[in-house]
Amino acid sequence: NYPSALAALAAKADAWVRPLTTWKPRSHNLWRRFSSLVHHLLAEYAVPAFFDTVWFGGVGTKPQQWFIHVARGKNIRTADLPLPYTKRMAHYFMQAPKNYSIEGALRWGQIHALGGNARLADAICGTRLVERFSDEEFWITVIRFLIDNPMLDTAHIGPIIDYLEDQRFGDRGVFVEPGVIERRPPPQPNLCMKGRTADSLLAQVHRWHRQLSYETCGSSQWQSSGIGGFEFIEGDEQARNQKRWIIRELLSAKALSHEGRTMRHCVASYSHSCSRRITSIWTLEVESFEGRKKVLTVEVRLGQRLICQARGKNNAMPDEKARSVLRRWATQQGLGIANYV
């Protein structure tokens, strides 16, 4: 949304270091033009490319202050960050991939400074840990645990983080009688990573998945995110190879539970985030002469309009065909796709 990004940039006119009248566009590409304008107006020193996305988050956001802080030649660790940052983290932060969000870049710097790698950073940046930086004292122990288990399949990292979030922080509503919901605390508010092994943790996650799949979901529902669905027909009807691809939003805890049972993953745990409009969950299905089947479960981070997760059955990564359908939908609806999807 370039008009809103330009409005955010205009709101920082008192921080401009060069006049607008001396800027000359040197590209026909809209993104490159915008990036050139931002750096012309605000940057006295080099700013990483991923930083440019902060201007699309509305007027007067804190990450825009971080941009100006770094553009003045100051170290990101001395900005008002939501997590403790070391010099080493700040060094790696500046090297984050250009298609990362600013929140993802903060995790990238943290993970690399602690000894992790790009593979782990990509996996963690597809989880809730780029949506929140509270309870960082606990989450850094989780990150260290994942770094210390490098042979753990990254497909398990999202479910592990969902499980830990639910068990330690996820208060829940329980129907105690018809029409009456009682709020109850998290099951394990003192959960810690000390003494855990990867095998024991995976076993706990598996048991939790099964519980999520079969417990009563209540009547939790939420309104549409406002993002449109998708339908795409390919093939030839006479050749009997026609297929219809459908992407639709899931708007209730019951729908998430059914999705999780069918796809054998923990998407049912996202009902709280969906009801709070932090994220939205979508299902990608394909229909052919043989019937309809589910292909992917997709998460869209609403604040950024970013497709941040897409998983098949048993948390499998999408194949190239499914990715191409996602790209069509993203283009149609003006959504970004994280590079780790």
Protein backbone atom coordinates (compact mmCIF):
# COMPACT_ATOMS: atom_id res chain seq x y z
CA ASN A 1 0.00 0.00 0.00
CA TYR A 2 2.21 2.77 -1.30
CA PRO A 3 -0.13 5.69 -0.43
CA SER A 4 -0.06 4.75 3.28
CA ALA A 5 3.72 4.22 3.13
CA LEU A 6 4.17 7.68 1.61
CA ALA A 7 1.93 9.12 4.33
CA ALA A 8 4.14 7.51 6.99
CA LEU A 9 7.22 8.94 5.29
CA ALA A 10 5.64 12.41 5.09
CA ALA A 11 4.83 12.27 8.80
CA LYS A 12 8.60 12.10 9.46
CA ALA A 13 9.36 15.23 7.41
CA ASP A 14 11.12 16.78 10.39
CA ALA A 15 13.72 13.97 10.17
CA TRP A 16 14.45 14.37 6.45
CA VAL A 17 18.12 15.06 5.76
CA ARG A 18 17.67 16.12 2.11
CA PRO A 19 14.91 18.05 0.34
CA LEU A 20 12.35 16.16 -1.71
CA THR A 21 13.01 18.43 -4.71
CA THR A 22 16.55 17.05 -5.20
CA TRP A 23 15.37 13.42 -5.51
CA LYS A 24 15.36 11.95 -9.01
CA PRO A 25 13.80 8.52 -9.72
CA ARG A 26 16.21 6.20 -11.53
CA SER A 27 14.05 3.11 -12.03
CA HIS A 28 10.65 2.18 -13.46
CA ASN A 29 10.21 -0.43 -10.72
CA LEU A 30 7.81 0.95 -8.07
CA TRP A 31 9.53 -0.73 -5.12
CA ARG A 32 12.98 0.49 -6.18
CA ARG A 33 11.64 4.00 -6.62
CA PHE A 34 10.13 3.98 -3.15
CA SER A 35 13.29 2.57 -1.60
CA SER A 36 15.36 5.23 -3.36
CA LEU A 37 13.06 7.96 -2.06
CA VAL A 38 13.21 6.69 1.54
CA HIS A 39 17.00 6.53 1.55
CA HIS A 40 17.32 9.92 -0.14
CA LEU A 41 15.14 11.61 2.47
CA LEU A 42 16.31 9.86 5.63
CA ALA A 43 19.60 7.99 5.27
CA GLU A 44 22.96 9.48 6.14
CA TYR A 45 24.39 5.96 6.43
CA ALA A 46 23.60 2.65 4.70
CA VAL A 47 20.42 0.93 5.88
CA PRO A 48 19.71 -2.76 5.07
CA ALA A 49 17.09 -3.35 2.36
CA PHE A 50 14.75 -5.29 4.67
CA PHE A 51 14.29 -2.12 6.72
CA ASP A 52 12.28 -0.40 3.96
CA THR A 53 9.17 -2.46 4.79
CA VAL A 54 8.67 -0.57 8.08
CA TRP A 55 7.04 2.29 6.16
CA PHE A 56 4.14 0.04 5.22
CA GLY A 57 3.07 -0.53 8.84
CA GLY A 58 1.11 2.70 9.33
CA VAL A 59 2.04 6.17 10.56
CA GLY A 60 4.40 6.62 13.48
CA THR A 61 5.35 3.03 14.31
CA LYS A 62 8.31 2.19 16.51
CA PRO A 63 10.21 0.31 13.73
CA GLN A 64 10.20 3.56 11.72
CA GLN A 65 12.12 5.14 14.61
CA TRP A 66 14.58 2.23 14.42
CA PHE A 67 15.07 2.98 10.71
CA ILE A 68 15.92 6.62 11.44
CA HIS A 69 18.17 5.53 14.33
CA VAL A 70 20.25 3.27 12.04
CA ALA A 71 20.10 5.78 9.17
CA ARG A 72 21.87 8.27 11.44
CA GLY A 73 24.74 5.84 11.88
CA LYS A 74 23.67 4.57 15.31
CA ASN A 75 23.75 0.94 16.39
CA ILE A 76 20.43 -0.93 16.36
CA ARG A 77 21.14 -2.31 19.84
CA THR A 78 20.87 1.23 21.29
CA ALA A 79 17.37 1.68 19.84
CA ASP A 80 14.28 0.99 21.93
CA LEU A 81 14.08 -2.70 21.01
CA PRO A 82 11.57 -5.21 22.44
CA LEU A 83 14.30 -7.73 23.38
CA PRO A 84 17.81 -7.62 24.87
CA TYR A 85 20.39 -7.22 22.10
CA THR A 86 24.15 -7.69 22.13
CA LYS A 87 26.80 -6.23 19.82
CA ARG A 88 27.11 -9.61 18.13
CA MET A 89 23.35 -9.78 17.53
CA ALA A 90 23.41 -6.26 16.09
CA HIS A 91 26.20 -7.32 13.71
CA TYR A 92 24.17 -10.25 12.34
CA PHE A 93 20.97 -8.19 12.29
CA MET A 94 22.48 -5.95 9.61
CA GLN A 95 23.08 -9.04 7.44
CA ALA A 96 19.50 -10.37 7.48
CA PRO A 97 18.03 -11.27 4.05
CA LYS A 98 16.31 -8.43 2.22
CA ASN A 99 12.98 -10.26 2.10
CA TYR A 100 12.79 -10.59 5.91
CA SER A 101 10.46 -8.42 7.96
CA ILE A 102 12.04 -6.15 10.56
CA GLU A 103 10.82 -8.51 13.32
CA GLY A 104 12.29 -11.46 11.44
CA ALA A 105 15.59 -9.61 11.13
CA LEU A 106 15.70 -9.16 14.92
CA ARG A 107 15.32 -12.92 15.33
CA TRP A 108 17.88 -13.55 12.57
CA GLY A 109 20.48 -11.52 14.45
CA GLN A 110 19.65 -13.16 17.75
CA ILE A 111 19.72 -16.73 16.41
CA HIS A 112 22.99 -16.31 14.51
CA ALA A 113 24.72 -14.63 17.45
CA LEU A 114 23.73 -17.56 19.68
CA GLY A 115 25.23 -20.06 17.24
CA GLY A 116 22.25 -20.92 15.04
CA ASN A 117 22.13 -20.89 11.26
CA ALA A 118 19.95 -19.64 8.40
CA ARG A 119 17.98 -22.89 8.29
CA LEU A 120 16.90 -22.48 11.91
CA ALA A 121 16.28 -18.75 11.52
CA ASP A 122 13.98 -19.38 8.54
CA ALA A 123 12.02 -21.98 10.53
CA ILE A 124 11.63 -19.76 13.61
CA CYS A 125 10.63 -16.79 11.48
CA GLY A 126 7.64 -18.81 10.30
CA THR A 127 6.32 -19.03 13.88
CA ARG A 128 4.69 -16.83 16.51
CA LEU A 129 8.09 -15.70 17.72
CA VAL A 130 8.10 -12.92 15.13
CA GLU A 131 4.71 -11.71 16.35
CA ARG A 132 5.67 -11.29 19.98
CA PHE A 133 8.73 -10.45 22.04
CA SER A 134 7.22 -10.72 25.51
CA ASP A 135 8.46 -13.41 27.91
CA GLU A 136 11.81 -13.27 26.13
CA GLU A 137 13.61 -14.77 29.13
CA PHE A 138 11.75 -18.03 28.49
CA TRP A 139 11.85 -17.96 24.68
CA ILE A 140 15.61 -17.50 24.53
CA THR A 141 15.95 -20.82 26.42
CA VAL A 142 13.78 -22.40 23.70
CA ILE A 143 15.98 -20.94 20.97
CA ARG A 144 19.10 -22.23 22.72
CA PHE A 145 17.45 -25.67 22.99
CA LEU A 146 16.77 -25.70 19.23
CA ILE A 147 20.33 -24.60 18.48
CA ASP A 148 21.64 -27.43 20.69
CA ASN A 149 19.58 -29.96 18.66
CA PRO A 150 20.71 -29.23 15.08
CA MET A 151 19.48 -32.58 13.73
CA LEU A 152 15.88 -31.80 14.68
CA ASP A 153 13.79 -31.62 11.50
CA THR A 154 12.76 -27.98 11.09
CA ALA A 155 9.23 -29.14 10.23
CA HIS A 156 8.81 -29.78 13.98
CA ILE A 157 9.85 -26.30 15.11
CA GLY A 158 6.50 -24.59 14.48
CA PRO A 159 4.50 -27.27 16.34
CA ILE A 160 7.00 -27.23 19.23
CA ILE A 161 6.66 -23.46 19.65
CA ASP A 162 2.86 -23.68 19.40
CA TYR A 163 2.85 -26.37 22.10
CA LEU A 164 5.12 -24.42 24.46
CA GLU A 165 3.08 -21.24 23.93
CA ASP A 166 -0.16 -23.07 24.71
CA GLN A 167 1.14 -24.90 27.76
CA ARG A 168 2.95 -22.01 29.44
CA PHE A 169 0.95 -18.94 28.37
CA GLY A 170 -2.35 -20.09 26.84
CA ASP A 171 -5.19 -19.39 29.22
CA ARG A 172 -8.41 -20.89 27.92
CA GLY A 173 -12.17 -20.66 28.12
CA VAL A 174 -13.95 -23.79 29.34
CA PHE A 175 -17.72 -24.27 29.18
CA VAL A 176 -18.74 -25.07 32.78
CA GLU A 177 -22.45 -25.05 31.97
CA PRO A 178 -24.59 -24.13 28.97
CA GLY A 179 -23.77 -20.57 27.90
CA VAL A 180 -21.19 -20.02 30.66
CA ILE A 181 -17.44 -19.91 29.91
CA GLU A 182 -14.89 -19.92 32.71
CA ARG A 183 -11.36 -18.60 32.07
CA ARG A 184 -8.71 -21.00 33.31
CA PRO A 185 -4.92 -20.58 33.57
CA PRO A 186 -2.38 -22.30 31.31
CA PRO A 187 -1.78 -26.01 32.02
CA GLN A 188 1.95 -25.56 32.78
CA PRO A 189 2.66 -21.92 33.75
CA ASN A 190 6.08 -22.89 35.16
CA LEU A 191 7.17 -25.00 32.18
CA CYS A 192 10.90 -24.74 31.46
CA MET A 193 13.35 -26.31 29.02
CA LYS A 194 15.78 -27.64 31.60
CA GLY A 195 16.31 -31.40 31.36
CA ARG A 196 14.23 -31.85 28.22
CA THR A 197 15.33 -33.90 25.24
CA ALA A 198 14.16 -33.54 21.65
CA ASP A 199 12.54 -36.99 21.72
CA SER A 200 10.58 -36.38 24.93
CA LEU A 201 9.42 -32.97 23.71
CA LEU A 202 8.26 -34.37 20.37
CA ALA A 203 6.30 -37.07 22.20
CA GLN A 204 4.55 -34.40 24.28
CA VAL A 205 3.76 -32.38 21.16
CA HIS A 206 2.29 -35.47 19.51
CA ARG A 207 0.03 -36.19 22.50
CA TRP A 208 -1.08 -32.54 22.53
CA HIS A 209 -1.95 -32.72 18.81
CA ARG A 210 -4.18 -35.71 19.44
CA GLN A 211 -5.87 -33.93 22.33
CA LEU A 212 -6.45 -30.81 20.21
CA SER A 213 -7.98 -32.90 17.46
CA TYR A 214 -10.63 -34.53 19.61
CA GLU A 215 -11.47 -32.12 22.44
CA THR A 216 -14.59 -29.98 22.23
CA CYS A 217 -13.88 -26.63 20.61
CA GLY A 218 -16.88 -24.67 21.96
CA SER A 219 -18.58 -22.07 19.83
CA SER A 220 -15.67 -19.72 19.15
CA GLN A 221 -16.08 -17.90 15.84
CA TRP A 222 -14.66 -14.74 14.29
CA GLN A 223 -15.32 -12.45 11.38
CA SER A 224 -13.53 -12.57 8.05
CA SER A 225 -10.18 -10.83 7.78
CA GLY A 226 -11.40 -8.98 4.70
CA ILE A 227 -8.90 -10.76 2.45
CA GLY A 228 -10.58 -12.40 -0.50
CA GLY A 229 -10.58 -16.11 -1.23
CA PHE A 230 -9.38 -17.69 -4.45
CA GLU A 231 -10.52 -20.04 -7.17
CA PHE A 232 -8.48 -21.21 -10.14
CA ILE A 233 -9.45 -23.78 -12.78
CA GLU A 234 -6.86 -25.54 -14.91
CA GLY A 235 -6.84 -28.44 -17.34
CA ASP A 236 -9.39 -29.55 -19.89
CA GLU A 237 -12.86 -30.88 -19.10
CA GLN A 238 -13.01 -33.13 -22.18
CA ALA A 239 -9.61 -34.62 -21.38
CA ARG A 240 -10.95 -35.28 -17.86
CA ASN A 241 -7.90 -33.64 -16.28
CA GLN A 242 -9.57 -30.44 -15.11
CA LYS A 243 -8.82 -29.31 -11.56
CA ARG A 244 -10.26 -26.53 -9.43
CA TRP A 245 -8.02 -24.96 -6.77
CA ILE A 246 -9.79 -23.22 -3.90
CA ILE A 247 -8.45 -21.11 -1.03
CA ARG A 248 -10.88 -20.17 1.73
CA GLU A 249 -10.63 -18.72 5.22
CA LEU A 250 -11.41 -20.78 8.32
CA LEU A 251 -13.63 -18.77 10.67
CA SER A 252 -14.28 -20.93 13.72
CA ALA A 253 -12.51 -23.09 16.28
CA LYS A 254 -14.50 -26.04 14.96
CA ALA A 255 -13.18 -25.46 11.43
CA LEU A 256 -9.59 -25.23 12.74
CA SER A 257 -10.05 -28.46 14.68
CA HIS A 258 -11.33 -30.27 11.59
CA GLU A 259 -8.43 -28.89 9.57
CA GLY A 260 -5.94 -30.08 12.19
CA ARG A 261 -7.44 -33.59 12.33
CA THR A 262 -7.41 -33.92 8.54
CA MET A 263 -3.93 -32.48 8.04
CA ARG A 264 -2.43 -33.96 11.25
CA HIS A 265 -0.99 -30.77 12.65
CA CYS A 266 -1.74 -28.28 15.44
CA VAL A 267 -3.58 -25.48 13.65
CA ALA A 268 -6.40 -25.83 16.20
CA SER A 269 -4.17 -23.96 18.65
CA TYR A 270 -4.50 -20.79 16.53
CA SER A 271 -8.11 -20.01 17.48
CA HIS A 272 -7.07 -17.41 20.07
CA SER A 273 -4.80 -15.58 17.59
CA CYS A 274 -7.53 -15.69 14.93
CA SER A 275 -10.21 -14.31 17.25
CA ARG A 276 -7.86 -11.47 18.25
CA ARG A 277 -7.21 -10.71 14.54
CA ILE A 278 -3.48 -11.27 14.85
CA THR A 279 -3.53 -13.92 12.17
CA SER A 280 -5.92 -15.67 9.80
CA ILE A 281 -5.90 -19.32 8.76
CA TRP A 282 -6.80 -20.53 5.28
CA THR A 283 -7.17 -23.92 3.65
CA LEU A 284 -6.01 -24.69 0.11
CA GLU A 285 -7.98 -27.50 -1.50
CA VAL A 286 -8.04 -29.08 -4.94
CA GLU A 287 -11.12 -30.56 -6.57
CA SER A 288 -11.00 -32.97 -9.48
CA PHE A 289 -13.14 -35.70 -11.03
CA GLU A 290 -12.11 -37.96 -8.13
CA GLY A 291 -13.35 -35.49 -5.48
CA ARG A 292 -11.91 -32.77 -3.22
CA LYS A 293 -8.88 -33.00 -0.97
CA LYS A 294 -6.96 -30.65 1.29
CA VAL A 295 -3.49 -29.62 0.13
CA LEU A 296 -2.21 -26.92 2.48
CA THR A 297 -3.05 -25.00 5.62
CA VAL A 298 -1.94 -21.37 5.27
CA GLU A 299 -1.33 -18.67 7.87
CA VAL A 300 -1.55 -14.97 6.96
CA ARG A 301 -0.11 -12.47 9.46
CA LEU A 302 -2.71 -9.73 9.21
CA GLY A 303 -0.65 -6.73 10.33
CA GLN A 304 1.82 -7.31 7.51
CA ARG A 305 -0.55 -9.02 5.04
CA LEU A 306 2.13 -11.70 4.87
CA ILE A 307 1.78 -15.41 4.12
CA CYS A 308 4.09 -16.65 6.88
CA GLN A 309 3.27 -20.37 6.99
CA ALA A 310 2.03 -22.98 4.53
CA ARG A 311 2.04 -26.64 5.54
CA GLY A 312 0.71 -29.84 4.08
CA LYS A 313 -0.22 -33.03 5.87
CA ASN A 314 2.06 -33.82 8.84
CA ASN A 315 3.63 -30.33 8.51
CA ALA A 316 5.12 -31.12 5.09
CA MET A 317 6.42 -28.18 3.06
CA PRO A 318 4.39 -27.24 -0.05
CA ASP A 319 5.42 -28.61 -3.42
CA GLU A 320 6.04 -26.34 -6.40
CA LYS A 321 2.49 -26.68 -7.75
CA ALA A 322 0.95 -25.61 -4.44
CA ARG A 323 3.45 -22.74 -4.23
CA SER A 324 2.41 -21.52 -7.68
CA VAL A 325 -1.25 -21.45 -6.60
CA LEU A 326 -0.27 -19.51 -3.45
CA ARG A 327 1.63 -17.01 -5.57
CA ARG A 328 -1.42 -16.46 -7.80
CA TRP A 329 -3.58 -15.81 -4.73
CA ALA A 330 -0.97 -13.53 -3.16
CA THR A 331 -0.71 -11.45 -6.33
CA GLN A 332 -4.50 -11.18 -6.61
CA GLN A 333 -4.94 -10.08 -2.97
CA GLY A 334 -1.79 -7.98 -2.56
CA LEU A 335 -0.18 -10.33 -0.03
CA GLY A 336 3.50 -10.89 0.60
CA ILE A 337 5.04 -14.35 0.91
CA ALA A 338 7.83 -14.91 3.41
CA ASN A 339 10.96 -16.35 1.84
CA TYR A 340 10.94 -19.32 4.24
CA VAL A 341 7.46 -20.53 3.16
